[in-house]
Amino acid sequence: MHIAEAERVIGGGVSRLREDTHGNYEFLRVANYAYSGCQYVLLINFGPNGEALSEIVLTHRGDVKAETAETSCPDGLSRLGEKIGRPASVDHGVQVWRLTTTTVTVMEGHRGDLQIRYKPN
């Protein structure tokens, strides 16, 4: 998928940005993206020239004041596990699923921080 196609599919609320520190790569950012019962910052990373999709990253910052996040995000993770099965590995808050075409990594941090990464194999 090319960056322009992803930008069109997502529609409003998406920002197209460029990362110049570690190469010249474009990515899309959605500041408030609802996924599986939780609010995330969505980053969609692309290879050089915005061509090949390289990774999808969803990041949720935990908030001690947000009571709904305490139940909705874990519930969403449970539903994700129900859909894709048991993780291939689990270690210190990190779960990894190796599917046919995608590797899914879920990292749970302190205070309810959560990151989900989808990367093509």
N, C-alpha and C. Protein backbone atom coordinates (compact mmCIF):
# COMPACT_ATOMS: atom_id res chain seq x y z
N MET A 1 0.85 -1.17 0.00
CA MET A 1 0.00 0.00 0.00
C MET A 1 0.89 1.24 0.00
N HIS A 2 0.62 2.17 -0.86
CA HIS A 2 1.35 3.42 -0.98
C HIS A 2 0.79 4.43 0.02
N ILE A 3 1.59 5.38 0.46
CA ILE A 3 1.18 6.35 1.47
C ILE A 3 -0.03 7.17 1.03
N ALA A 4 -0.10 7.53 -0.23
CA ALA A 4 -1.24 8.33 -0.72
C ALA A 4 -2.55 7.55 -0.61
N GLU A 5 -2.49 6.25 -0.89
CA GLU A 5 -3.68 5.41 -0.79
C GLU A 5 -4.14 5.30 0.67
N ALA A 6 -3.20 5.08 1.59
CA ALA A 6 -3.54 4.99 3.01
C ALA A 6 -4.11 6.32 3.52
N GLU A 7 -3.53 7.41 3.08
CA GLU A 7 -3.99 8.74 3.47
C GLU A 7 -5.44 8.96 3.02
N ARG A 8 -5.75 8.52 1.82
CA ARG A 8 -7.11 8.66 1.28
C ARG A 8 -8.10 7.78 2.04
N VAL A 9 -7.70 6.56 2.37
CA VAL A 9 -8.58 5.62 3.09
C VAL A 9 -8.89 6.14 4.49
N ILE A 10 -7.91 6.66 5.19
CA ILE A 10 -8.11 7.16 6.55
C ILE A 10 -8.98 8.41 6.55
N GLY A 11 -8.75 9.29 5.59
CA GLY A 11 -9.57 10.51 5.50
C GLY A 11 -9.12 11.59 6.46
N GLY A 12 -10.10 12.28 7.06
CA GLY A 12 -9.82 13.43 7.92
C GLY A 12 -9.07 13.07 9.18
N GLY A 13 -8.35 14.05 9.71
CA GLY A 13 -7.62 13.86 10.95
C GLY A 13 -6.25 13.26 10.81
N VAL A 14 -5.81 13.01 9.58
CA VAL A 14 -4.50 12.41 9.36
C VAL A 14 -3.50 13.48 8.96
N SER A 15 -2.28 13.37 9.50
CA SER A 15 -1.18 14.26 9.15
C SER A 15 -0.11 13.45 8.44
N ARG A 16 0.41 14.03 7.38
CA ARG A 16 1.50 13.36 6.64
C ARG A 16 2.79 14.04 7.06
N LEU A 17 3.73 13.24 7.60
CA LEU A 17 4.95 13.79 8.16
C LEU A 17 6.17 13.09 7.58
N ARG A 18 7.34 13.67 7.83
CA ARG A 18 8.58 13.10 7.31
C ARG A 18 9.57 12.94 8.47
N GLU A 19 10.25 11.79 8.51
CA GLU A 19 11.26 11.51 9.52
C GLU A 19 12.61 11.64 8.84
N ASP A 20 13.40 12.61 9.27
CA ASP A 20 14.69 12.87 8.63
C ASP A 20 15.89 12.44 9.48
N THR A 21 15.66 12.01 10.71
CA THR A 21 16.76 11.67 11.60
C THR A 21 17.47 10.40 11.19
N HIS A 22 16.71 9.34 10.90
CA HIS A 22 17.28 8.03 10.59
C HIS A 22 17.03 7.64 9.14
N GLY A 23 16.92 8.57 8.29
CA GLY A 23 16.61 8.32 6.88
C GLY A 23 15.53 9.29 6.44
N ASN A 24 15.14 9.19 5.24
CA ASN A 24 14.15 10.11 4.70
C ASN A 24 12.86 9.33 4.43
N TYR A 25 12.07 9.11 5.47
CA TYR A 25 10.87 8.30 5.37
C TYR A 25 9.64 9.12 5.73
N GLU A 26 8.54 8.84 5.05
CA GLU A 26 7.28 9.49 5.36
C GLU A 26 6.43 8.56 6.23
N PHE A 27 5.57 9.18 7.03
CA PHE A 27 4.63 8.40 7.82
C PHE A 27 3.35 9.21 8.00
N LEU A 28 2.28 8.50 8.34
CA LEU A 28 1.00 9.13 8.62
C LEU A 28 0.77 9.08 10.12
N ARG A 29 0.15 10.13 10.66
CA ARG A 29 -0.14 10.19 12.10
C ARG A 29 -1.58 10.63 12.30
N VAL A 30 -2.30 9.88 13.14
CA VAL A 30 -3.65 10.25 13.56
C VAL A 30 -3.57 10.38 15.07
N ALA A 31 -3.83 11.59 15.60
CA ALA A 31 -3.63 11.86 17.02
C ALA A 31 -4.63 11.18 17.92
N ASN A 32 -5.85 10.96 17.45
CA ASN A 32 -6.88 10.37 18.30
C ASN A 32 -7.62 9.31 17.50
N TYR A 33 -7.15 8.07 17.62
CA TYR A 33 -7.67 6.97 16.81
C TYR A 33 -8.28 5.91 17.72
N ALA A 34 -9.55 5.60 17.53
CA ALA A 34 -10.22 4.58 18.33
C ALA A 34 -9.97 3.21 17.71
N TYR A 35 -9.49 2.27 18.53
CA TYR A 35 -9.21 0.91 18.07
C TYR A 35 -9.45 -0.04 19.23
N SER A 36 -10.30 -1.00 19.02
CA SER A 36 -10.54 -2.07 19.98
C SER A 36 -10.85 -1.55 21.38
N GLY A 37 -11.70 -0.52 21.45
CA GLY A 37 -12.17 -0.01 22.72
C GLY A 37 -11.24 0.94 23.45
N CYS A 38 -10.24 1.46 22.77
CA CYS A 38 -9.25 2.32 23.42
C CYS A 38 -8.83 3.44 22.45
N GLN A 39 -8.42 4.57 22.99
CA GLN A 39 -7.94 5.68 22.16
C GLN A 39 -6.42 5.60 22.01
N TYR A 40 -5.94 5.72 20.79
CA TYR A 40 -4.52 5.60 20.48
C TYR A 40 -4.04 6.76 19.63
N VAL A 41 -2.72 6.93 19.60
CA VAL A 41 -2.05 7.69 18.55
C VAL A 41 -1.66 6.63 17.52
N LEU A 42 -2.08 6.82 16.28
CA LEU A 42 -1.81 5.87 15.20
C LEU A 42 -0.69 6.41 14.32
N LEU A 43 0.35 5.60 14.13
CA LEU A 43 1.42 5.92 13.19
C LEU A 43 1.47 4.81 12.15
N ILE A 44 1.50 5.21 10.89
CA ILE A 44 1.65 4.25 9.80
C ILE A 44 2.94 4.62 9.08
N ASN A 45 3.94 3.76 9.20
CA ASN A 45 5.26 4.02 8.64
C ASN A 45 5.39 3.39 7.26
N PHE A 46 6.11 4.11 6.38
CA PHE A 46 6.32 3.65 5.01
C PHE A 46 7.81 3.66 4.70
N GLY A 47 8.19 2.91 3.70
CA GLY A 47 9.58 2.86 3.25
C GLY A 47 9.94 4.11 2.47
N PRO A 48 11.10 4.10 1.85
CA PRO A 48 11.55 5.25 1.06
C PRO A 48 10.53 5.63 -0.01
N ASN A 49 10.38 6.90 -0.25
CA ASN A 49 9.47 7.47 -1.25
C ASN A 49 7.99 7.17 -0.96
N GLY A 50 7.67 6.82 0.29
CA GLY A 50 6.28 6.58 0.66
C GLY A 50 5.67 5.37 -0.01
N GLU A 51 6.49 4.43 -0.44
CA GLU A 51 5.98 3.30 -1.20
C GLU A 51 5.47 2.18 -0.32
N ALA A 52 6.31 1.30 0.16
CA ALA A 52 5.85 0.10 0.86
C ALA A 52 5.52 0.39 2.32
N LEU A 53 4.38 -0.11 2.76
CA LEU A 53 3.99 -0.03 4.16
C LEU A 53 4.99 -0.86 4.96
N SER A 54 5.60 -0.24 6.00
CA SER A 54 6.60 -0.98 6.77
C SER A 54 6.13 -1.34 8.18
N GLU A 55 5.20 -0.55 8.75
CA GLU A 55 4.77 -0.85 10.11
C GLU A 55 3.58 0.03 10.50
N ILE A 56 2.70 -0.55 11.32
CA ILE A 56 1.59 0.19 11.92
C ILE A 56 1.81 0.16 13.42
N VAL A 57 1.80 1.33 14.06
CA VAL A 57 2.05 1.42 15.50
C VAL A 57 0.90 2.18 16.15
N LEU A 58 0.29 1.55 17.16
CA LEU A 58 -0.76 2.19 17.95
C LEU A 58 -0.21 2.38 19.36
N THR A 59 -0.25 3.61 19.87
CA THR A 59 0.28 3.90 21.20
C THR A 59 -0.80 4.54 22.05
N HIS A 60 -1.03 3.94 23.22
CA HIS A 60 -1.97 4.49 24.21
C HIS A 60 -1.18 4.88 25.44
N ARG A 61 -1.32 6.14 25.83
CA ARG A 61 -0.67 6.61 27.05
C ARG A 61 -1.64 6.44 28.20
N GLY A 62 -1.25 5.64 29.17
CA GLY A 62 -2.09 5.42 30.35
C GLY A 62 -2.23 6.70 31.14
N ASP A 63 -3.34 6.84 31.83
CA ASP A 63 -3.62 8.01 32.63
C ASP A 63 -4.27 7.54 33.92
N VAL A 64 -3.67 7.87 35.04
CA VAL A 64 -4.21 7.41 36.31
C VAL A 64 -5.61 7.95 36.57
N LYS A 65 -5.99 9.03 35.91
CA LYS A 65 -7.32 9.62 36.10
C LYS A 65 -8.37 8.99 35.19
N ALA A 66 -7.95 8.30 34.15
CA ALA A 66 -8.89 7.77 33.17
C ALA A 66 -9.36 6.39 33.58
N GLU A 67 -10.46 6.32 34.29
CA GLU A 67 -10.99 5.04 34.77
C GLU A 67 -11.46 4.15 33.62
N THR A 68 -11.99 4.75 32.56
CA THR A 68 -12.49 3.94 31.45
C THR A 68 -11.37 3.22 30.73
N ALA A 69 -10.19 3.83 30.66
CA ALA A 69 -9.06 3.18 30.00
C ALA A 69 -8.64 1.93 30.76
N GLU A 70 -8.82 1.94 32.09
CA GLU A 70 -8.41 0.79 32.89
C GLU A 70 -9.16 -0.48 32.49
N THR A 71 -10.40 -0.34 32.03
CA THR A 71 -11.16 -1.53 31.64
C THR A 71 -11.25 -1.71 30.14
N SER A 72 -11.37 -0.62 29.38
CA SER A 72 -11.60 -0.76 27.94
C SER A 72 -10.36 -1.25 27.19
N CYS A 73 -9.18 -0.78 27.55
CA CYS A 73 -7.97 -1.23 26.84
C CYS A 73 -7.68 -2.70 27.10
N PRO A 74 -7.68 -3.18 28.36
CA PRO A 74 -7.49 -4.62 28.56
C PRO A 74 -8.58 -5.46 27.91
N ASP A 75 -9.82 -4.99 27.91
CA ASP A 75 -10.89 -5.72 27.24
C ASP A 75 -10.60 -5.83 25.75
N GLY A 76 -10.12 -4.74 25.16
CA GLY A 76 -9.77 -4.76 23.74
C GLY A 76 -8.63 -5.72 23.45
N LEU A 77 -7.64 -5.79 24.35
CA LEU A 77 -6.54 -6.73 24.17
C LEU A 77 -7.03 -8.16 24.27
N SER A 78 -7.97 -8.41 25.17
CA SER A 78 -8.55 -9.76 25.29
C SER A 78 -9.24 -10.16 23.99
N ARG A 79 -9.99 -9.21 23.40
CA ARG A 79 -10.67 -9.50 22.13
C ARG A 79 -9.66 -9.75 21.02
N LEU A 80 -8.56 -8.99 21.01
CA LEU A 80 -7.51 -9.22 20.01
C LEU A 80 -6.96 -10.63 20.16
N GLY A 81 -6.66 -11.05 21.39
CA GLY A 81 -6.16 -12.40 21.63
C GLY A 81 -7.14 -13.47 21.20
N GLU A 82 -8.44 -13.21 21.41
CA GLU A 82 -9.46 -14.16 20.99
C GLU A 82 -9.47 -14.33 19.47
N LYS A 83 -9.22 -13.23 18.76
CA LYS A 83 -9.24 -13.28 17.29
C LYS A 83 -8.02 -13.96 16.70
N ILE A 84 -6.83 -13.72 17.26
CA ILE A 84 -5.62 -14.23 16.63
C ILE A 84 -4.97 -15.38 17.39
N GLY A 85 -5.54 -15.78 18.53
CA GLY A 85 -5.03 -16.95 19.25
C GLY A 85 -3.99 -16.61 20.29
N ARG A 86 -3.34 -17.65 20.77
CA ARG A 86 -2.32 -17.50 21.82
C ARG A 86 -1.04 -16.92 21.24
N PRO A 87 -0.37 -16.05 22.00
CA PRO A 87 0.90 -15.50 21.50
C PRO A 87 1.98 -16.57 21.40
N ALA A 88 2.88 -16.38 20.45
CA ALA A 88 4.00 -17.30 20.28
C ALA A 88 5.00 -17.14 21.43
N SER A 89 5.10 -15.93 21.98
CA SER A 89 5.98 -15.71 23.12
C SER A 89 5.42 -14.61 24.02
N VAL A 90 5.70 -14.73 25.32
CA VAL A 90 5.28 -13.76 26.32
C VAL A 90 6.45 -13.55 27.26
N ASP A 91 6.83 -12.28 27.48
CA ASP A 91 7.96 -12.01 28.37
C ASP A 91 7.90 -10.59 28.89
N HIS A 92 7.78 -10.42 30.20
CA HIS A 92 7.83 -9.12 30.86
C HIS A 92 6.96 -8.05 30.20
N GLY A 93 5.68 -8.33 30.04
CA GLY A 93 4.76 -7.35 29.47
C GLY A 93 4.77 -7.25 27.96
N VAL A 94 5.51 -8.13 27.29
CA VAL A 94 5.57 -8.13 25.82
C VAL A 94 5.00 -9.46 25.31
N GLN A 95 4.03 -9.36 24.40
CA GLN A 95 3.45 -10.54 23.77
C GLN A 95 3.68 -10.45 22.26
N VAL A 96 4.03 -11.56 21.64
CA VAL A 96 4.32 -11.56 20.20
C VAL A 96 3.54 -12.70 19.54
N TRP A 97 2.83 -12.34 18.48
CA TRP A 97 2.14 -13.32 17.63
C TRP A 97 2.81 -13.30 16.27
N ARG A 98 3.19 -14.45 15.75
CA ARG A 98 3.75 -14.54 14.40
C ARG A 98 2.69 -15.21 13.53
N LEU A 99 2.02 -14.40 12.74
CA LEU A 99 0.96 -14.88 11.87
C LEU A 99 1.54 -15.13 10.48
N THR A 100 0.72 -15.56 9.55
CA THR A 100 1.20 -15.90 8.21
C THR A 100 1.86 -14.71 7.52
N THR A 101 1.23 -13.55 7.56
CA THR A 101 1.77 -12.40 6.83
C THR A 101 2.19 -11.24 7.73
N THR A 102 1.94 -11.36 9.04
CA THR A 102 2.15 -10.24 9.95
C THR A 102 2.69 -10.71 11.29
N THR A 103 3.55 -9.90 11.89
CA THR A 103 3.95 -10.10 13.28
C THR A 103 3.29 -9.02 14.11
N VAL A 104 2.60 -9.43 15.16
CA VAL A 104 1.91 -8.49 16.05
C VAL A 104 2.64 -8.52 17.39
N THR A 105 3.02 -7.33 17.87
CA THR A 105 3.70 -7.20 19.15
C THR A 105 2.89 -6.26 20.03
N VAL A 106 2.59 -6.69 21.26
CA VAL A 106 1.88 -5.85 22.22
C VAL A 106 2.80 -5.65 23.41
N MET A 107 3.05 -4.38 23.75
CA MET A 107 3.90 -4.04 24.88
C MET A 107 3.07 -3.26 25.90
N GLU A 108 2.99 -3.79 27.11
CA GLU A 108 2.27 -3.12 28.18
C GLU A 108 3.27 -2.54 29.16
N GLY A 109 3.09 -1.25 29.47
CA GLY A 109 4.01 -0.58 30.38
C GLY A 109 3.33 -0.17 31.66
N HIS A 110 4.05 0.60 32.43
CA HIS A 110 3.53 1.10 33.70
C HIS A 110 2.42 2.12 33.47
N ARG A 111 1.55 2.30 34.44
CA ARG A 111 0.45 3.27 34.40
C ARG A 111 -0.52 3.04 33.26
N GLY A 112 -0.57 1.85 32.69
CA GLY A 112 -1.53 1.57 31.63
C GLY A 112 -1.05 1.93 30.24
N ASP A 113 0.23 2.30 30.09
CA ASP A 113 0.78 2.56 28.74
C ASP A 113 0.70 1.27 27.93
N LEU A 114 0.41 1.41 26.65
CA LEU A 114 0.21 0.26 25.81
C LEU A 114 0.64 0.59 24.38
N GLN A 115 1.34 -0.33 23.73
CA GLN A 115 1.71 -0.14 22.34
C GLN A 115 1.46 -1.44 21.58
N ILE A 116 0.81 -1.31 20.41
CA ILE A 116 0.55 -2.46 19.54
C ILE A 116 1.25 -2.17 18.22
N ARG A 117 2.07 -3.12 17.76
CA ARG A 117 2.79 -2.97 16.49
C ARG A 117 2.40 -4.10 15.54
N TYR A 118 2.07 -3.73 14.33
CA TYR A 118 1.80 -4.69 13.25
C TYR A 118 2.88 -4.50 12.21
N LYS A 119 3.61 -5.55 11.89
CA LYS A 119 4.70 -5.44 10.93
C LYS A 119 4.61 -6.60 9.94
N PRO A 120 4.61 -6.30 8.64
CA PRO A 120 4.57 -7.38 7.64
C PRO A 120 5.78 -8.29 7.78
N ASN A 121 5.58 -9.59 7.55
CA ASN A 121 6.69 -10.55 7.61
C ASN A 121 7.48 -10.53 6.32
